[in-house]
PDB file of N, CA and C in Angstrom:
ATOM      1  N   VAL A   1      22.424  -9.013  39.827  1.00  0.00           N
ATOM      2  CA  VAL A   1      21.437  -8.643  40.838  1.00  0.00           C
ATOM      3  C   VAL A   1      20.708  -7.395  40.362  1.00  0.00           C
ATOM      4  N   GLN A   2      19.393  -7.432  40.482  1.00  0.00           N
ATOM      5  CA  GLN A   2      18.579  -6.267  40.112  1.00  0.00           C
ATOM      6  C   GLN A   2      17.700  -5.859  41.277  1.00  0.00           C
ATOM      7  N   LEU A   3      17.601  -4.565  41.503  1.00  0.00           N
ATOM      8  CA  LEU A   3      16.748  -4.018  42.544  1.00  0.00           C
ATOM      9  C   LEU A   3      15.728  -3.096  41.904  1.00  0.00           C
ATOM     10  N   GLN A   4      14.493  -3.244  42.295  1.00  0.00           N
ATOM     11  CA  GLN A   4      13.408  -2.427  41.762  1.00  0.00           C
ATOM     12  C   GLN A   4      12.703  -1.742  42.923  1.00  0.00           C
ATOM     13  N   ALA A   5      12.888  -0.429  43.012  1.00  0.00           N
ATOM     14  CA  ALA A   5      12.250   0.355  44.077  1.00  0.00           C
ATOM     15  C   ALA A   5      10.932   0.930  43.581  1.00  0.00           C
ATOM     16  N   SER A   6       9.955   0.985  44.473  1.00  0.00           N
ATOM     17  CA  SER A   6       8.653   1.543  44.117  1.00  0.00           C
ATOM     18  C   SER A   6       7.965   2.058  45.367  1.00  0.00           C
ATOM     19  N   GLY A   7       6.855   2.775  45.168  1.00  0.00           N
ATOM     20  CA  GLY A   7       6.042   3.206  46.289  1.00  0.00           C
ATOM     21  C   GLY A   7       6.122   4.674  46.632  1.00  0.00           C
ATOM     22  N   GLY A   8       6.968   5.414  45.948  1.00  0.00           N
ATOM     23  CA  GLY A   8       7.058   6.839  46.234  1.00  0.00           C
ATOM     24  C   GLY A   8       5.817   7.585  45.789  1.00  0.00           C
ATOM     25  N   GLY A   9       5.756   8.859  46.161  1.00  0.00           N
ATOM     26  CA  GLY A   9       4.617   9.674  45.779  1.00  0.00           C
ATOM     27  C   GLY A   9       4.608  10.988  46.515  1.00  0.00           C
ATOM     28  N   LEU A  10       3.480  11.675  46.396  1.00  0.00           N
ATOM     29  CA  LEU A  10       3.282  12.963  47.057  1.00  0.00           C
ATOM     30  C   LEU A  10       2.358  12.765  48.245  1.00  0.00           C
ATOM     31  N   VAL A  11       2.774  13.268  49.401  1.00  0.00           N
ATOM     32  CA  VAL A  11       1.981  13.109  50.614  1.00  0.00           C
ATOM     33  C   VAL A  11       2.093  14.381  51.448  1.00  0.00           C
ATOM     34  N   GLU A  12       1.078  14.673  52.228  1.00  0.00           N
ATOM     35  CA  GLU A  12       1.123  15.828  53.113  1.00  0.00           C
ATOM     36  C   GLU A  12       1.947  15.516  54.358  1.00  0.00           C
ATOM     37  N   ALA A  13       2.485  16.543  54.965  1.00  0.00           N
ATOM     38  CA  ALA A  13       3.228  16.376  56.209  1.00  0.00           C
ATOM     39  C   ALA A  13       2.362  15.651  57.240  1.00  0.00           C
ATOM     40  N   GLY A  14       2.985  14.702  57.929  1.00  0.00           N
ATOM     41  CA  GLY A  14       2.248  13.885  58.885  1.00  0.00           C
ATOM     42  C   GLY A  14       1.717  12.598  58.305  1.00  0.00           C
ATOM     43  N   GLY A  15       1.768  12.487  56.996  1.00  0.00           N
ATOM     44  CA  GLY A  15       1.249  11.299  56.331  1.00  0.00           C
ATOM     45  C   GLY A  15       2.246  10.162  56.297  1.00  0.00           C
ATOM     46  N   SER A  16       1.862   9.093  55.589  1.00  0.00           N
ATOM     47  CA  SER A  16       2.678   7.877  55.525  1.00  0.00           C
ATOM     48  C   SER A  16       2.815   7.392  54.089  1.00  0.00           C
ATOM     49  N   LEU A  17       3.909   6.693  53.853  1.00  0.00           N
ATOM     50  CA  LEU A  17       4.147   5.988  52.601  1.00  0.00           C
ATOM     51  C   LEU A  17       4.900   4.714  52.911  1.00  0.00           C
ATOM     52  N   ARG A  18       4.752   3.709  52.062  1.00  0.00           N
ATOM     53  CA  ARG A  18       5.547   2.495  52.187  1.00  0.00           C
ATOM     54  C   ARG A  18       6.281   2.250  50.886  1.00  0.00           C
ATOM     55  N   LEU A  19       7.593   2.239  50.973  1.00  0.00           N
ATOM     56  CA  LEU A  19       8.428   1.933  49.819  1.00  0.00           C
ATOM     57  C   LEU A  19       8.734   0.437  49.785  1.00  0.00           C
ATOM     58  N   SER A  20       8.888  -0.089  48.579  1.00  0.00           N
ATOM     59  CA  SER A  20       9.249  -1.485  48.397  1.00  0.00           C
ATOM     60  C   SER A  20      10.505  -1.587  47.549  1.00  0.00           C
ATOM     61  N   CYS A  21      11.305  -2.583  47.821  1.00  0.00           N
ATOM     62  CA  CYS A  21      12.505  -2.859  47.036  1.00  0.00           C
ATOM     63  C   CYS A  21      12.528  -4.356  46.749  1.00  0.00           C
ATOM     64  N   ALA A  22      12.218  -4.730  45.527  1.00  0.00           N
ATOM     65  CA  ALA A  22      12.215  -6.130  45.118  1.00  0.00           C
ATOM     66  C   ALA A  22      13.580  -6.472  44.538  1.00  0.00           C
ATOM     67  N   ILE A  23      14.168  -7.565  45.033  1.00  0.00           N
ATOM     68  CA  ILE A  23      15.527  -7.945  44.644  1.00  0.00           C
ATOM     69  C   ILE A  23      15.492  -9.272  43.918  1.00  0.00           C
ATOM     70  N   SER A  24      16.165  -9.344  42.794  1.00  0.00           N
ATOM     71  CA  SER A  24      16.216 -10.586  42.025  1.00  0.00           C
ATOM     72  C   SER A  24      17.646 -10.851  41.566  1.00  0.00           C
ATOM     73  N   GLY A  25      17.914 -12.086  41.234  1.00  0.00           N
ATOM     74  CA  GLY A  25      19.186 -12.414  40.618  1.00  0.00           C
ATOM     75  C   GLY A  25      20.172 -13.154  41.475  1.00  0.00           C
ATOM     76  N   ARG A  26      19.891 -13.238  42.789  1.00  0.00           N
ATOM     77  CA  ARG A  26      20.807 -14.018  43.610  1.00  0.00           C
ATOM     78  C   ARG A  26      20.134 -14.422  44.904  1.00  0.00           C
ATOM     79  N   THR A  27      20.754 -15.409  45.568  1.00  0.00           N
ATOM     80  CA  THR A  27      20.280 -15.785  46.894  1.00  0.00           C
ATOM     81  C   THR A  27      20.763 -14.750  47.894  1.00  0.00           C
ATOM     82  N   LEU A  28      19.826 -14.234  48.687  1.00  0.00           N
ATOM     83  CA  LEU A  28      20.163 -13.104  49.536  1.00  0.00           C
ATOM     84  C   LEU A  28      20.904 -13.505  50.796  1.00  0.00           C
ATOM     85  N   GLY A  29      20.654 -14.728  51.282  1.00  0.00           N
ATOM     86  CA  GLY A  29      21.420 -15.333  52.359  1.00  0.00           C
ATOM     87  C   GLY A  29      21.937 -14.413  53.422  1.00  0.00           C
ATOM     88  N   SER A  30      23.206 -14.075  53.356  1.00  0.00           N
ATOM     89  CA  SER A  30      23.857 -13.291  54.400  1.00  0.00           C
ATOM     90  C   SER A  30      24.019 -11.828  54.011  1.00  0.00           C
ATOM     91  N   GLY A  31      23.324 -11.382  53.012  1.00  0.00           N
ATOM     92  CA  GLY A  31      23.502 -10.024  52.517  1.00  0.00           C
ATOM     93  C   GLY A  31      22.826  -8.959  53.345  1.00  0.00           C
ATOM     94  N   THR A  32      23.024  -7.726  52.935  1.00  0.00           N
ATOM     95  CA  THR A  32      22.497  -6.532  53.597  1.00  0.00           C
ATOM     96  C   THR A  32      21.830  -5.650  52.562  1.00  0.00           C
ATOM     97  N   THR A  33      20.644  -5.170  52.874  1.00  0.00           N
ATOM     98  CA  THR A  33      19.943  -4.226  52.006  1.00  0.00           C
ATOM     99  C   THR A  33      19.688  -2.941  52.768  1.00  0.00           C
ATOM    100  N   GLY A  34      20.003  -1.844  52.125  1.00  0.00           N
ATOM    101  CA  GLY A  34      19.843  -0.545  52.760  1.00  0.00           C
ATOM    102  C   GLY A  34      18.987   0.392  51.945  1.00  0.00           C
ATOM    103  N   TRP A  35      18.488   1.417  52.606  1.00  0.00           N
ATOM    104  CA  TRP A  35      17.792   2.522  51.963  1.00  0.00           C
ATOM    105  C   TRP A  35      18.618   3.792  52.172  1.00  0.00           C
ATOM    106  N   PHE A  36      18.746   4.548  51.110  1.00  0.00           N
ATOM    107  CA  PHE A  36      19.413   5.835  51.136  1.00  0.00           C
ATOM    108  C   PHE A  36      18.488   6.853  50.472  1.00  0.00           C
ATOM    109  N   ARG A  37      18.781   8.126  50.673  1.00  0.00           N
ATOM    110  CA  ARG A  37      17.993   9.161  50.020  1.00  0.00           C
ATOM    111  C   ARG A  37      18.884  10.313  49.620  1.00  0.00           C
ATOM    112  N   GLN A  38      18.424  11.016  48.591  1.00  0.00           N
ATOM    113  CA  GLN A  38      19.165  12.176  48.108  1.00  0.00           C
ATOM    114  C   GLN A  38      18.196  13.295  47.784  1.00  0.00           C
ATOM    115  N   ALA A  39      18.341  14.384  48.509  1.00  0.00           N
ATOM    116  CA  ALA A  39      17.531  15.575  48.267  1.00  0.00           C
ATOM    117  C   ALA A  39      18.240  16.460  47.247  1.00  0.00           C
ATOM    118  N   PRO A  40      17.510  17.330  46.561  1.00  0.00           N
ATOM    119  CA  PRO A  40      18.133  18.204  45.556  1.00  0.00           C
ATOM    120  C   PRO A  40      19.266  19.026  46.151  1.00  0.00           C
ATOM    121  N   GLY A  41      20.414  18.987  45.499  1.00  0.00           N
ATOM    122  CA  GLY A  41      21.546  19.781  45.937  1.00  0.00           C
ATOM    123  C   GLY A  41      22.298  19.220  47.124  1.00  0.00           C
ATOM    124  N   LYS A  42      21.902  18.039  47.578  1.00  0.00           N
ATOM    125  CA  LYS A  42      22.555  17.445  48.748  1.00  0.00           C
ATOM    126  C   LYS A  42      23.167  16.094  48.403  1.00  0.00           C
ATOM    127  N   ALA A  43      24.075  15.660  49.260  1.00  0.00           N
ATOM    128  CA  ALA A  43      24.696  14.349  49.074  1.00  0.00           C
ATOM    129  C   ALA A  43      23.707  13.249  49.460  1.00  0.00           C
ATOM    130  N   ARG A  44      23.932  12.086  48.905  1.00  0.00           N
ATOM    131  CA  ARG A  44      23.101  10.941  49.269  1.00  0.00           C
ATOM    132  C   ARG A  44      23.385  10.582  50.728  1.00  0.00           C
ATOM    133  N   GLU A  45      22.338  10.236  51.478  1.00  0.00           N
ATOM    134  CA  GLU A  45      22.517   9.948  52.896  1.00  0.00           C
ATOM    135  C   GLU A  45      21.834   8.639  53.284  1.00  0.00           C
ATOM    136  N   PHE A  46      22.383   8.036  54.313  1.00  0.00           N
ATOM    137  CA  PHE A  46      21.878   6.775  54.840  1.00  0.00           C
ATOM    138  C   PHE A  46      20.530   6.973  55.518  1.00  0.00           C
ATOM    139  N   VAL A  47      19.635   5.996  55.339  1.00  0.00           N
ATOM    140  CA  VAL A  47      18.346   6.017  56.021  1.00  0.00           C
ATOM    141  C   VAL A  47      18.226   4.828  56.967  1.00  0.00           C
ATOM    142  N   ALA A  48      18.390   3.604  56.431  1.00  0.00           N
ATOM    143  CA  ALA A  48      18.225   2.397  57.243  1.00  0.00           C
ATOM    144  C   ALA A  48      18.827   1.210  56.501  1.00  0.00           C
ATOM    145  N   PHE A  49      19.147   0.148  57.263  1.00  0.00           N
ATOM    146  CA  PHE A  49      19.535  -1.104  56.618  1.00  0.00           C
ATOM    147  C   PHE A  49      19.079  -2.298  57.434  1.00  0.00           C
ATOM    148  N   THR A  50      18.958  -3.427  56.747  1.00  0.00           N
ATOM    149  CA  THR A  50      18.578  -4.681  57.372  1.00  0.00           C
ATOM    150  C   THR A  50      19.442  -5.795  56.810  1.00  0.00           C
ATOM    151  N   ARG A  51      19.627  -6.834  57.627  1.00  0.00           N
ATOM    152  CA  ARG A  51      20.438  -7.978  57.209  1.00  0.00           C
ATOM    153  C   ARG A  51      19.541  -9.186  56.988  1.00  0.00           C
ATOM    154  N   TRP A  52      19.732  -9.891  55.886  1.00  0.00           N
ATOM    155  CA  TRP A  52      18.860 -10.997  55.541  1.00  0.00           C
ATOM    156  C   TRP A  52      19.025 -12.191  56.470  1.00  0.00           C
ATOM    157  N   SER A  53      20.136 -12.269  57.173  1.00  0.00           N
ATOM    158  CA  SER A  53      20.338 -13.369  58.114  1.00  0.00           C
ATOM    159  C   SER A  53      19.755 -13.060  59.485  1.00  0.00           C
ATOM    160  N   GLY A  54      19.180 -11.877  59.642  1.00  0.00           N
ATOM    161  CA  GLY A  54      18.540 -11.522  60.906  1.00  0.00           C
ATOM    162  C   GLY A  54      19.368 -10.559  61.736  1.00  0.00           C
ATOM    163  N   GLY A  55      18.868 -10.253  62.912  1.00  0.00           N
ATOM    164  CA  GLY A  55      19.552  -9.316  63.784  1.00  0.00           C
ATOM    165  C   GLY A  55      18.887  -7.949  63.762  1.00  0.00           C
ATOM    166  N   ASN A  56      19.533  -7.005  64.417  1.00  0.00           N
ATOM    167  CA  ASN A  56      18.971  -5.662  64.533  1.00  0.00           C
ATOM    168  C   ASN A  56      18.946  -4.940  63.201  1.00  0.00           C
ATOM    169  N   ASN A  57      17.955  -4.081  63.040  1.00  0.00           N
ATOM    170  CA  ASN A  57      17.938  -3.131  61.943  1.00  0.00           C
ATOM    171  C   ASN A  57      18.524  -1.814  62.450  1.00  0.00           C
ATOM    172  N   TYR A  58      19.078  -1.038  61.533  1.00  0.00           N
ATOM    173  CA  TYR A  58      19.735   0.200  61.918  1.00  0.00           C
ATOM    174  C   TYR A  58      19.122   1.381  61.170  1.00  0.00           C
ATOM    175  N   TYR A  59      19.040   2.516  61.860  1.00  0.00           N
ATOM    176  CA  TYR A  59      18.407   3.701  61.302  1.00  0.00           C
ATOM    177  C   TYR A  59      19.274   4.930  61.544  1.00  0.00           C
ATOM    178  N   ASP A  60      19.149   5.883  60.635  1.00  0.00           N
ATOM    179  CA  ASP A  60      19.720   7.180  60.915  1.00  0.00           C
ATOM    180  C   ASP A  60      18.886   7.856  61.994  1.00  0.00           C
ATOM    181  N   ASP A  61      19.514   8.683  62.802  1.00  0.00           N
ATOM    182  CA  ASP A  61      18.796   9.341  63.884  1.00  0.00           C
ATOM    183  C   ASP A  61      17.640  10.190  63.381  1.00  0.00           C
ATOM    184  N   SER A  62      17.745  10.722  62.182  1.00  0.00           N
ATOM    185  CA  SER A  62      16.716  11.619  61.654  1.00  0.00           C
ATOM    186  C   SER A  62      15.398  10.905  61.364  1.00  0.00           C
ATOM    187  N   VAL A  63      15.438   9.575  61.255  1.00  0.00           N
ATOM    188  CA  VAL A  63      14.222   8.828  60.926  1.00  0.00           C
ATOM    189  C   VAL A  63      13.836   7.839  62.025  1.00  0.00           C
ATOM    190  N   LYS A  64      14.676   7.692  63.025  1.00  0.00           N
ATOM    191  CA  LYS A  64      14.424   6.719  64.087  1.00  0.00           C
ATOM    192  C   LYS A  64      13.093   7.036  64.780  1.00  0.00           C
ATOM    193  N   GLY A  65      12.282   6.019  64.959  1.00  0.00           N
ATOM    194  CA  GLY A  65      10.977   6.199  65.581  1.00  0.00           C
ATOM    195  C   GLY A  65       9.874   6.549  64.604  1.00  0.00           C
ATOM    196  N   ARG A  66      10.220   6.917  63.384  1.00  0.00           N
ATOM    197  CA  ARG A  66       9.217   7.252  62.361  1.00  0.00           C
ATOM    198  C   ARG A  66       9.232   6.247  61.202  1.00  0.00           C
ATOM    199  N   PHE A  67      10.405   5.753  60.854  1.00  0.00           N
ATOM    200  CA  PHE A  67      10.543   4.818  59.739  1.00  0.00           C
ATOM    201  C   PHE A  67      10.832   3.421  60.279  1.00  0.00           C
ATOM    202  N   THR A  68      10.350   2.411  59.560  1.00  0.00           N
ATOM    203  CA  THR A  68      10.612   1.028  59.916  1.00  0.00           C
ATOM    204  C   THR A  68      11.007   0.256  58.668  1.00  0.00           C
ATOM    205  N   ILE A  69      12.136  -0.426  58.742  1.00  0.00           N
ATOM    206  CA  ILE A  69      12.581  -1.277  57.641  1.00  0.00           C
ATOM    207  C   ILE A  69      12.219  -2.718  57.974  1.00  0.00           C
ATOM    208  N   ALA A  70      11.753  -3.449  56.970  1.00  0.00           N
ATOM    209  CA  ALA A  70      11.349  -4.833  57.183  1.00  0.00           C
ATOM    210  C   ALA A  70      11.638  -5.650  55.937  1.00  0.00           C
ATOM    211  N   ARG A  71      11.840  -6.964  56.131  1.00  0.00           N
ATOM    212  CA  ARG A  71      12.125  -7.855  55.011  1.00  0.00           C
ATOM    213  C   ARG A  71      11.010  -8.874  54.885  1.00  0.00           C
ATOM    214  N   ASP A  72      10.768  -9.305  53.667  1.00  0.00           N
ATOM    215  CA  ASP A  72       9.935 -10.471  53.403  1.00  0.00           C
ATOM    216  C   ASP A  72      10.844 -11.460  52.683  1.00  0.00           C
ATOM    217  N   ASN A  73      11.358 -12.447  53.424  1.00  0.00           N
ATOM    218  CA  ASN A  73      12.325 -13.369  52.846  1.00  0.00           C
ATOM    219  C   ASN A  73      11.718 -14.191  51.709  1.00  0.00           C
ATOM    220  N   ALA A  74      10.442 -14.507  51.819  1.00  0.00           N
ATOM    221  CA  ALA A  74       9.804 -15.309  50.785  1.00  0.00           C
ATOM    222  C   ALA A  74       9.676 -14.546  49.467  1.00  0.00           C
ATOM    223  N   LYS A  75       9.543 -13.239  49.551  1.00  0.00           N
ATOM    224  CA  LYS A  75       9.370 -12.415  48.351  1.00  0.00           C
ATOM    225  C   LYS A  75      10.655 -11.701  47.941  1.00  0.00           C
ATOM    226  N   ASN A  76      11.740 -11.886  48.688  1.00  0.00           N
ATOM    227  CA  ASN A  76      12.986 -11.166  48.400  1.00  0.00           C
ATOM    228  C   ASN A  76      12.738  -9.660  48.274  1.00  0.00           C
ATOM    229  N   THR A  77      11.988  -9.142  49.198  1.00  0.00           N
ATOM    230  CA  THR A  77      11.586  -7.738  49.145  1.00  0.00           C
ATOM    231  C   THR A  77      11.844  -7.079  50.499  1.00  0.00           C
ATOM    232  N   VAL A  78      12.341  -5.862  50.444  1.00  0.00           N
ATOM    233  CA  VAL A  78      12.537  -5.044  51.633  1.00  0.00           C
ATOM    234  C   VAL A  78      11.596  -3.856  51.557  1.00  0.00           C
ATOM    235  N   TYR A  79      10.989  -3.539  52.684  1.00  0.00           N
ATOM    236  CA  TYR A  79      10.041  -2.424  52.751  1.00  0.00           C
ATOM    237  C   TYR A  79      10.604  -1.325  53.649  1.00  0.00           C
ATOM    238  N   LEU A  80      10.190  -0.116  53.370  1.00  0.00           N
ATOM    239  CA  LEU A  80      10.481   1.008  54.256  1.00  0.00           C
ATOM    240  C   LEU A  80       9.152   1.702  54.540  1.00  0.00           C
ATOM    241  N   GLN A  81       8.628   1.450  55.730  1.00  0.00           N
ATOM    242  CA  GLN A  81       7.402   2.116  56.170  1.00  0.00           C
ATOM    243  C   GLN A  81       7.770   3.472  56.745  1.00  0.00           C
ATOM    244  N   MET A  82       7.224   4.522  56.172  1.00  0.00           N
ATOM    245  CA  MET A  82       7.563   5.883  56.583  1.00  0.00           C
ATOM    246  C   MET A  82       6.313   6.550  57.143  1.00  0.00           C
ATOM    247  N   ASN A  83       6.343   6.853  58.423  1.00  0.00           N
ATOM    248  CA  ASN A  83       5.232   7.515  59.100  1.00  0.00           C
ATOM    249  C   ASN A  83       5.649   8.902  59.567  1.00  0.00           C
ATOM    250  N   SER A  84       4.668   9.710  59.900  1.00  0.00           N
ATOM    251  CA  SER A  84       4.931  11.081  60.403  1.00  0.00           C
ATOM    252  C   SER A  84       5.911  11.809  59.492  1.00  0.00           C
ATOM    253  N   LEU A  85       5.652  11.763  58.217  1.00  0.00           N
ATOM    254  CA  LEU A  85       6.569  12.349  57.251  1.00  0.00           C
ATOM    255  C   LEU A  85       6.651  13.857  57.398  1.00  0.00           C
ATOM    256  N   LYS A  86       7.842  14.383  57.147  1.00  0.00           N
ATOM    257  CA  LYS A  86       8.125  15.807  57.251  1.00  0.00           C
ATOM    258  C   LYS A  86       8.594  16.315  55.877  1.00  0.00           C
ATOM    259  N   PRO A  87       8.445  17.611  55.632  1.00  0.00           N
ATOM    260  CA  PRO A  87       8.935  18.155  54.355  1.00  0.00           C
ATOM    261  C   PRO A  87      10.417  17.844  54.114  1.00  0.00           C
ATOM    262  N   GLU A  88      11.196  17.794  55.177  1.00  0.00           N
ATOM    263  CA  GLU A  88      12.627  17.508  55.020  1.00  0.00           C
ATOM    264  C   GLU A  88      12.911  16.064  54.642  1.00  0.00           C
ATOM    265  N   ASP A  89      11.896  15.205  54.612  1.00  0.00           N
ATOM    266  CA  ASP A  89      12.059  13.840  54.119  1.00  0.00           C
ATOM    267  C   ASP A  89      11.969  13.778  52.591  1.00  0.00           C
ATOM    268  N   THR A  90      11.632  14.891  51.974  1.00  0.00           N
ATOM    269  CA  THR A  90      11.524  14.925  50.518  1.00  0.00           C
ATOM    270  C   THR A  90      12.867  14.603  49.876  1.00  0.00           C
ATOM    271  N   ALA A  91      12.878  13.605  49.011  1.00  0.00           N
ATOM    272  CA  ALA A  91      14.118  13.150  48.375  1.00  0.00           C
ATOM    273  C   ALA A  91      13.791  12.025  47.398  1.00  0.00           C
ATOM    274  N   VAL A  92      14.780  11.663  46.616  1.00  0.00           N
ATOM    275  CA  VAL A  92      14.712  10.409  45.869  1.00  0.00           C
ATOM    276  C   VAL A  92      15.273   9.321  46.778  1.00  0.00           C
ATOM    277  N   TYR A  93      14.516   8.263  46.953  1.00  0.00           N
ATOM    278  CA  TYR A  93      14.916   7.169  47.830  1.00  0.00           C
ATOM    279  C   TYR A  93      15.433   6.007  46.985  1.00  0.00           C
ATOM    280  N   TYR A  94      16.582   5.493  47.386  1.00  0.00           N
ATOM    281  CA  TYR A  94      17.226   4.392  46.685  1.00  0.00           C
ATOM    282  C   TYR A  94      17.399   3.199  47.615  1.00  0.00           C
ATOM    283  N   CYS A  95      17.204   1.998  47.082  1.00  0.00           N
ATOM    284  CA  CYS A  95      17.592   0.812  47.828  1.00  0.00           C
ATOM    285  C   CYS A  95      18.883   0.260  47.223  1.00  0.00           C
ATOM    286  N   ALA A  96      19.656  -0.391  48.064  1.00  0.00           N
ATOM    287  CA  ALA A  96      20.962  -0.891  47.661  1.00  0.00           C
ATOM    288  C   ALA A  96      21.240  -2.211  48.360  1.00  0.00           C
ATOM    289  N   HIS A  97      22.106  -3.020  47.763  1.00  0.00           N
ATOM    290  CA  HIS A  97      22.367  -4.348  48.312  1.00  0.00           C
ATOM    291  C   HIS A  97      23.852  -4.686  48.253  1.00  0.00           C
ATOM    292  N   ASN A  98      24.302  -5.349  49.314  1.00  0.00           N
ATOM    293  CA  ASN A  98      25.635  -5.930  49.350  1.00  0.00           C
ATOM    294  C   ASN A  98      25.474  -7.385  49.779  1.00  0.00           C
ATOM    295  N   GLY A  99      26.211  -8.280  49.162  1.00  0.00           N
ATOM    296  CA  GLY A  99      26.055  -9.702  49.443  1.00  0.00           C
ATOM    297  C   GLY A  99      26.635 -10.152  50.771  1.00  0.00           C
ATOM    298  N   ARG A 100      27.220  -9.247  51.518  1.00  0.00           N
ATOM    299  CA  ARG A 100      27.841  -9.586  52.793  1.00  0.00           C
ATOM    300  C   ARG A 100      27.090  -8.971  53.962  1.00  0.00           C
ATOM    301  N   ARG A 101      27.369  -9.520  55.142  1.00  0.00           N
ATOM    302  CA  ARG A 101      26.853  -8.975  56.383  1.00  0.00           C
ATOM    303  C   ARG A 101      27.951  -8.094  56.969  1.00  0.00           C
ATOM    304  N   GLY A 102      27.858  -6.810  56.721  1.00  0.00           N
ATOM    305  CA  GLY A 102      28.911  -5.924  57.172  1.00  0.00           C
ATOM    306  C   GLY A 102      28.699  -5.425  58.583  1.00  0.00           C
ATOM    307  N   ILE A 103      29.730  -4.820  59.130  1.00  0.00           N
ATOM    308  CA  ILE A 103      29.586  -4.175  60.430  1.00  0.00           C
ATOM    309  C   ILE A 103      28.758  -2.902  60.225  1.00  0.00           C
ATOM    310  N   PRO A 104      28.068  -2.451  61.259  1.00  0.00           N
ATOM    311  CA  PRO A 104      27.169  -1.297  61.092  1.00  0.00           C
ATOM    312  C   PRO A 104      27.860  -0.065  60.508  1.00  0.00           C
ATOM    313  N   GLU A 105      29.090   0.178  60.898  1.00  0.00           N
ATOM    314  CA  GLU A 105      29.774   1.370  60.414  1.00  0.00           C
ATOM    315  C   GLU A 105      29.952   1.334  58.901  1.00  0.00           C
ATOM    316  N   LEU A 106      30.179   0.157  58.353  1.00  0.00           N
ATOM    317  CA  LEU A 106      30.302   0.014  56.904  1.00  0.00           C
ATOM    318  C   LEU A 106      28.954   0.082  56.212  1.00  0.00           C
ATOM    319  N   SER A 107      27.963  -0.556  56.805  1.00  0.00           N
ATOM    320  CA  SER A 107      26.660  -0.676  56.157  1.00  0.00           C
ATOM    321  C   SER A 107      25.907   0.646  56.097  1.00  0.00           C
ATOM    322  N   ARG A 108      26.419   1.654  56.771  1.00  0.00           N
ATOM    323  CA  ARG A 108      25.836   2.993  56.679  1.00  0.00           C
ATOM    324  C   ARG A 108      26.412   3.794  55.512  1.00  0.00           C
ATOM    325  N   ARG A 109      27.436   3.285  54.864  1.00  0.00           N
ATOM    326  CA  ARG A 109      28.110   4.016  53.792  1.00  0.00           C
ATOM    327  C   ARG A 109      27.580   3.600  52.428  1.00  0.00           C
ATOM    328  N   ASP A 110      27.214   4.536  51.594  1.00  0.00           N
ATOM    329  CA  ASP A 110      26.688   4.157  50.284  1.00  0.00           C
ATOM    330  C   ASP A 110      27.764   3.496  49.430  1.00  0.00           C
ATOM    331  N   SER A 111      29.022   3.836  49.656  1.00  0.00           N
ATOM    332  CA  SER A 111      30.108   3.267  48.869  1.00  0.00           C
ATOM    333  C   SER A 111      30.307   1.769  49.116  1.00  0.00           C
ATOM    334  N   TRP A 112      29.745   1.253  50.215  1.00  0.00           N
ATOM    335  CA  TRP A 112      29.916  -0.158  50.541  1.00  0.00           C
ATOM    336  C   TRP A 112      28.999  -1.056  49.714  1.00  0.00           C
ATOM    337  N   TYR A 113      27.943  -0.501  49.158  1.00  0.00           N
ATOM    338  CA  TYR A 113      26.948  -1.299  48.449  1.00  0.00           C
ATOM    339  C   TYR A 113      27.316  -1.492  46.981  1.00  0.00           C
ATOM    340  N   ASP A 114      27.066  -2.714  46.500  1.00  0.00           N
ATOM    341  CA  ASP A 114      27.455  -3.090  45.138  1.00  0.00           C
ATOM    342  C   ASP A 114      26.347  -2.886  44.114  1.00  0.00           C
ATOM    343  N   PHE A 115      25.107  -3.000  44.560  1.00  0.00           N
ATOM    344  CA  PHE A 115      23.983  -2.979  43.620  1.00  0.00           C
ATOM    345  C   PHE A 115      22.957  -1.940  44.079  1.00  0.00           C
ATOM    346  N   TRP A 116      22.385  -1.237  43.119  1.00  0.00           N
ATOM    347  CA  TRP A 116      21.452  -0.144  43.421  1.00  0.00           C
ATOM    348  C   TRP A 116      20.201  -0.240  42.557  1.00  0.00           C
ATOM    349  N   GLY A 117      19.092   0.180  43.162  1.00  0.00           N
ATOM    350  CA  GLY A 117      17.858   0.342  42.419  1.00  0.00           C
ATOM    351  C   GLY A 117      17.822   1.698  41.753  1.00  0.00           C
ATOM    352  N   GLN A 118      16.757   1.965  41.028  1.00  0.00           N
ATOM    353  CA  GLN A 118      16.669   3.167  40.210  1.00  0.00           C
ATOM    354  C   GLN A 118      16.184   4.393  40.966  1.00  0.00           C
ATOM    355  N   GLY A 119      15.691   4.244  42.167  1.00  0.00           N
ATOM    356  CA  GLY A 119      15.210   5.386  42.935  1.00  0.00           C
ATOM    357  C   GLY A 119      13.727   5.628  42.751  1.00  0.00           C
ATOM    358  N   THR A 120      13.106   6.122  43.808  1.00  0.00           N
ATOM    359  CA  THR A 120      11.694   6.484  43.765  1.00  0.00           C
ATOM    360  C   THR A 120      11.521   7.814  44.505  1.00  0.00           C
ATOM    361  N   GLN A 121      10.770   8.727  43.897  1.00  0.00           N
ATOM    362  CA  GLN A 121      10.632  10.080  44.444  1.00  0.00           C
ATOM    363  C   GLN A 121       9.600  10.119  45.566  1.00  0.00           C
ATOM    364  N   VAL A 122       9.993  10.720  46.679  1.00  0.00           N
ATOM    365  CA  VAL A 122       9.081  10.983  47.787  1.00  0.00           C
ATOM    366  C   VAL A 122       9.032  12.500  47.987  1.00  0.00           C
ATOM    367  N   THR A 123       7.830  13.051  47.921  1.00  0.00           N
ATOM    368  CA  THR A 123       7.646  14.486  48.114  1.00  0.00           C
ATOM    369  C   THR A 123       6.648  14.702  49.235  1.00  0.00           C
ATOM    370  N   VAL A 124       7.065  15.451  50.251  1.00  0.00           N
ATOM    371  CA  VAL A 124       6.207  15.731  51.402  1.00  0.00           C
ATOM    372  C   VAL A 124       5.891  17.219  51.403  1.00  0.00           C
ATOM    373  N   SER A 125       4.620  17.553  51.283  1.00  0.00           N
ATOM    374  CA  SER A 125       4.210  18.955  51.246  1.00  0.00           C
ATOM    375  C   SER A 125       3.886  19.449  52.655  1.00  0.00           C
ATOM    376  N   SER A 126       4.144  20.733  52.875  1.00  0.00           N
ATOM    377  CA  SER A 126       3.903  21.308  54.214  1.00  0.00           C
ATOM    378  C   SER A 126       2.501  21.839  54.336  1.00  0.00           C
TER     379      SER A 126
END
């Protein structure tokens, strides 16, 4: 399984970006794809996840109402629409995939995911 993240860049506070994560190499079926981020000097943290079989999407409280995760099943691609960006959103953003439909408590943990993309830098200026 390969994940290719893209769409990062430099944006002013209040602006928007859309990240993409293209997944290849397997049938996604019942799997879960998540977005995580890591700021300099900080641990990697959960942002959002979605399940390919449907159901609710889940978000960290810090991004709820500003970020939206969405899937395109035909393209095997997951998007992260980021609006009202803040300087504290600055980080390298990673997408990750697990072939199972986990419970929400597990799917928020980076250790639960088996496959990772290379990361894309998001920088929000004040």
